Protein backbone atom coordinates (compact mmCIF):
# COMPACT_ATOMS: atom_id res chain seq x y z
CA UNK A 1 178.84 94.50 145.84
CA UNK A 2 177.02 94.84 142.53
CA UNK A 3 178.95 95.51 139.31
CA UNK A 4 177.14 97.40 136.48
CA UNK A 5 178.50 97.72 133.06
CA UNK A 6 177.65 100.95 131.17
CA UNK A 7 178.46 102.37 127.86
CA UNK A 8 180.36 105.62 128.05
CA UNK A 9 178.67 108.32 126.08
CA UNK A 10 182.11 110.01 125.30
CA UNK A 11 181.24 110.11 121.55
CA UNK A 12 179.48 113.49 122.14
CA UNK A 13 182.85 115.10 122.84
CA UNK A 14 184.93 113.53 120.17
CA UNK A 15 186.70 115.54 117.52
CA UNK A 16 185.45 114.95 113.81
CA UNK A 17 188.53 112.77 113.07
CA UNK A 18 188.17 110.63 116.19
CA UNK A 19 184.36 110.44 115.76
CA UNK A 20 184.93 108.98 112.23
CA UNK A 21 187.26 106.32 113.70
CA UNK A 22 184.90 105.52 116.54
CA UNK A 23 181.69 104.95 114.38
CA UNK A 24 183.67 102.96 111.81
CA UNK A 25 184.78 100.80 114.82
CA UNK A 26 181.24 100.47 116.22
CA UNK A 27 179.90 99.68 112.60
CA UNK A 28 182.51 97.00 112.14
CA UNK A 29 181.81 95.48 115.63
CA UNK A 30 178.08 95.34 115.22
CA UNK A 31 178.13 93.91 111.76
CA UNK A 32 177.23 90.13 112.07
CA UNK A 33 177.86 90.26 115.88
CA UNK A 34 176.71 87.03 117.21
CA UNK A 35 175.81 88.61 120.59
CA UNK A 36 173.48 91.00 118.80
CA UNK A 37 171.80 88.98 115.85
CA UNK A 38 168.90 90.35 113.79
CA UNK A 39 166.47 88.65 116.34
CA UNK A 40 167.95 90.90 119.14
CA UNK A 41 167.24 94.10 117.20
CA UNK A 42 163.82 93.06 116.19
CA UNK A 43 161.75 96.12 115.33
CA UNK A 44 164.89 98.23 115.82
CA UNK A 45 166.77 96.67 112.96
CA UNK A 46 165.94 99.67 110.84
CA UNK A 47 167.73 101.91 113.45
CA UNK A 48 170.87 99.82 113.14
CA UNK A 49 170.74 100.05 109.31
CA UNK A 50 170.20 103.83 109.61
CA UNK A 51 173.42 103.99 111.70
CA UNK A 52 175.36 102.02 109.08
CA UNK A 53 173.92 104.23 106.40
CA UNK A 54 174.67 107.53 108.26
CA UNK A 55 178.23 106.42 108.84
CA UNK A 56 178.87 106.04 105.21
CA UNK A 57 177.53 109.45 104.56
CA UNK A 58 179.59 110.94 107.41
CA UNK A 59 182.73 109.34 106.04
CA UNK A 60 182.06 111.04 102.60
CA UNK A 61 181.20 114.34 104.19
CA UNK A 62 184.35 114.16 106.40
CA UNK A 63 186.53 113.77 103.38
CA UNK A 64 184.93 116.52 101.59
CA UNK A 65 185.26 118.94 104.42
CA UNK A 66 188.95 118.31 104.75
CA UNK A 67 189.57 121.25 102.43
CA UNK A 68 188.26 123.69 105.08
CA UNK A 69 185.27 124.89 103.20
CA UNK A 70 182.84 126.21 105.79
CA UNK A 71 179.66 124.88 104.14
CA UNK A 72 181.10 121.44 103.86
CA UNK A 73 182.21 121.62 107.47
CA UNK A 74 178.64 122.67 108.42
CA UNK A 75 177.24 119.66 106.52
CA UNK A 76 179.69 117.25 108.21
CA UNK A 77 178.82 118.61 111.61
CA UNK A 78 175.03 118.26 111.08
CA UNK A 79 175.48 114.57 109.96
CA UNK A 80 177.57 114.07 113.18
CA UNK A 81 174.61 115.49 115.28
CA UNK A 82 172.20 113.04 113.50
CA UNK A 83 174.53 110.03 114.22
CA UNK A 84 174.72 111.10 117.92
CA UNK A 85 170.94 111.02 118.13
CA UNK A 86 170.90 107.50 116.62
CA UNK A 87 173.64 106.35 119.12
CA UNK A 88 171.69 107.71 121.95
CA UNK A 89 168.82 105.35 120.87
CA UNK A 90 171.15 102.32 120.30
CA UNK A 91 173.20 102.46 123.52
CA UNK A 92 170.24 101.67 125.90
CA UNK A 93 169.23 98.64 123.70
CA UNK A 94 172.70 97.23 124.08
CA UNK A 95 173.03 98.05 127.83
CA UNK A 96 169.71 96.26 128.36
CA UNK A 97 171.17 93.02 127.04
CA UNK A 98 174.15 93.23 129.45
CA UNK A 99 171.95 92.12 132.35
CA UNK A 100 171.87 88.73 130.76
CA UNK A 101 175.25 88.70 128.96
CA UNK A 102 177.54 91.16 130.76
CA UNK A 103 180.48 90.40 128.42
CA UNK A 104 178.57 91.15 125.35
CA UNK A 105 179.08 95.02 125.58
CA UNK A 106 182.70 94.56 125.10
CA UNK A 107 182.20 93.25 121.49
CA UNK A 108 180.24 96.55 120.51
CA UNK A 109 183.03 98.90 119.77
CA UNK A 110 181.86 101.18 122.46
CA UNK A 111 183.99 102.24 125.63
CA UNK A 112 182.58 100.28 128.49
CA UNK A 113 182.82 101.25 132.11
CA UNK A 114 182.10 99.30 135.30
CA UNK A 115 180.53 100.82 138.31
CA UNK A 116 180.79 99.02 141.73
CA UNK A 117 177.71 99.93 143.82
CA UNK A 118 176.81 98.59 147.40
CA UNK A 119 173.13 99.42 146.55
CA UNK A 120 171.18 100.59 143.75
CA UNK A 121 170.84 104.38 143.50
CA UNK A 122 167.91 106.18 142.17
CA UNK A 123 168.43 108.32 139.10
CA UNK A 124 165.97 111.03 138.42
CA UNK A 125 164.68 111.00 134.80
CA UNK A 126 165.08 113.88 132.46
CA UNK A 127 162.04 116.14 132.40
CA UNK A 128 160.90 118.60 129.55
CA UNK A 129 161.56 122.32 129.61
CA UNK A 130 158.10 124.00 129.95
CA UNK A 131 159.57 127.28 128.67
CA UNK A 132 160.88 126.27 125.28
CA UNK A 133 160.39 129.20 122.86
CA UNK A 134 161.33 130.00 119.32
CA UNK A 135 161.67 133.61 117.78
CA UNK A 136 162.01 134.69 114.22
CA UNK A 137 165.31 136.45 113.93
CA UNK A 138 164.26 138.55 110.99
CA UNK A 139 167.00 137.07 108.76
CA UNK A 140 166.15 134.73 105.90
CA UNK A 141 165.60 131.14 107.22
CA UNK A 142 166.91 131.86 110.73
CA UNK A 143 165.32 131.36 114.16
CA UNK A 144 166.55 131.16 117.72
CA UNK A 145 165.32 128.55 120.27
CA UNK A 146 165.75 128.88 123.98
CA UNK A 147 164.78 126.75 127.00
CA UNK A 148 165.91 126.24 130.57
CA UNK A 149 168.16 123.05 130.94
CA UNK A 150 167.39 120.25 133.37
CA UNK A 151 169.59 118.25 135.65
CA UNK A 152 171.39 115.40 133.86
CA UNK A 153 171.14 116.97 130.41
CA UNK A 154 174.16 116.92 128.05
CA UNK A 155 172.62 118.03 124.68
CA UNK A 156 169.41 119.56 123.51
CA UNK A 157 167.64 118.36 120.31
CA UNK A 158 165.09 120.34 118.17
CA UNK A 159 162.59 118.69 115.79
CA UNK A 160 160.63 120.69 113.24
CA UNK A 161 157.22 120.10 111.45
CA UNK A 162 155.85 121.97 108.52
CA UNK A 163 152.75 119.64 108.27
CA UNK A 164 150.47 118.34 110.76
CA UNK A 165 151.95 118.58 114.36
CA UNK A 166 149.71 115.73 115.48
CA UNK A 167 151.21 113.30 113.00
CA UNK A 168 154.42 111.86 114.24
CA UNK A 169 155.69 111.13 110.61
CA UNK A 170 155.66 114.83 109.77
CA UNK A 171 158.37 115.48 112.49
CA UNK A 172 162.14 115.42 111.55
CA UNK A 173 165.37 116.08 113.43
CA UNK A 174 166.80 119.61 112.75
CA UNK A 175 169.70 120.06 115.09
CA UNK A 176 171.56 119.08 118.26
CA UNK A 177 172.78 121.86 120.53
CA UNK A 178 175.13 122.00 123.53
CA UNK A 179 173.55 125.14 125.04
CA UNK A 180 169.77 125.06 125.48
CA UNK A 181 169.69 128.73 126.22
CA UNK A 182 170.96 129.69 122.71
CA UNK A 183 169.90 127.27 119.80
CA UNK A 184 170.35 129.05 116.47
CA UNK A 185 168.63 127.35 113.59
CA UNK A 186 169.48 128.19 110.05
CA UNK A 187 168.44 127.24 106.40
CA UNK A 188 164.65 126.98 107.52
CA UNK A 189 162.03 127.14 104.87
CA UNK A 190 159.82 130.22 104.97
CA UNK A 191 156.31 129.87 106.34
CA UNK A 192 154.60 128.65 109.49
CA UNK A 193 156.74 125.95 111.24
CA UNK A 194 156.13 123.91 114.40
CA UNK A 195 158.97 123.23 116.84
CA UNK A 196 159.64 120.94 119.76
CA UNK A 197 162.75 120.03 121.72
CA UNK A 198 164.01 117.45 124.24
CA UNK A 199 167.02 117.01 126.30
CA UNK A 200 169.58 114.16 126.00
CA UNK A 201 171.37 112.64 129.04
CA UNK A 202 173.42 109.65 129.87
CA UNK A 203 170.62 107.29 129.37
CA UNK A 204 169.28 108.92 126.10
CA UNK A 205 166.64 111.46 125.42
CA UNK A 206 164.01 112.76 127.70
CA UNK A 207 160.40 113.72 126.89
CA UNK A 208 159.33 116.36 124.36
CA UNK A 209 158.63 119.86 125.26
CA UNK A 210 155.28 121.47 124.45
CA UNK A 211 154.93 122.39 120.78
CA UNK A 212 155.33 126.00 119.59
CA UNK A 213 154.91 127.52 116.15
CA UNK A 214 156.55 130.52 114.44
CA UNK A 215 156.37 132.19 111.04
CA UNK A 216 159.80 131.86 109.46
CA UNK A 217 160.94 134.72 107.07
């Protein structure tokens, strides 16, 4: 009987208060963690540092939004979405090490689950949505994205690009959405803009959709 340890991706469903407590725990657990030294992170050390920095930003935004201001709440939730994207990249790195050191995952601050399997089951990878589309809503800085979901997808991420779509450095994260059929984007700059999207599942993000471009009002 094979026992497999996995990180539970429950951080996507946490309330803002519990999310803050969770990321502070993870940051504290991964700081100077002997199971995951700098040599483990290697080229991904910048990703860990980005998580630490975003955690500080979220803590400030959380305190600021406690007065109920809708704009501050929007800013807090946007940072939360950005941290979820980072966590979706960190978790498979940590899980990969559990093959050699099964007990290491319990030191990360994440909730760990154990699955007992008589045999290894094949999990289908996430695929991209071929029907991803974006329309200009006619309102200042607003556009609506839509796409078919795929089996195993939990959330749906959109990147935008106002430069060269062939240059990866020109792309940046805009938002994460729970419903792929209705992805409202706000505060966009006017002018021609490129968009792409991908689904996120239990093992992280899937492949990017085909790129589409729309003139934003």
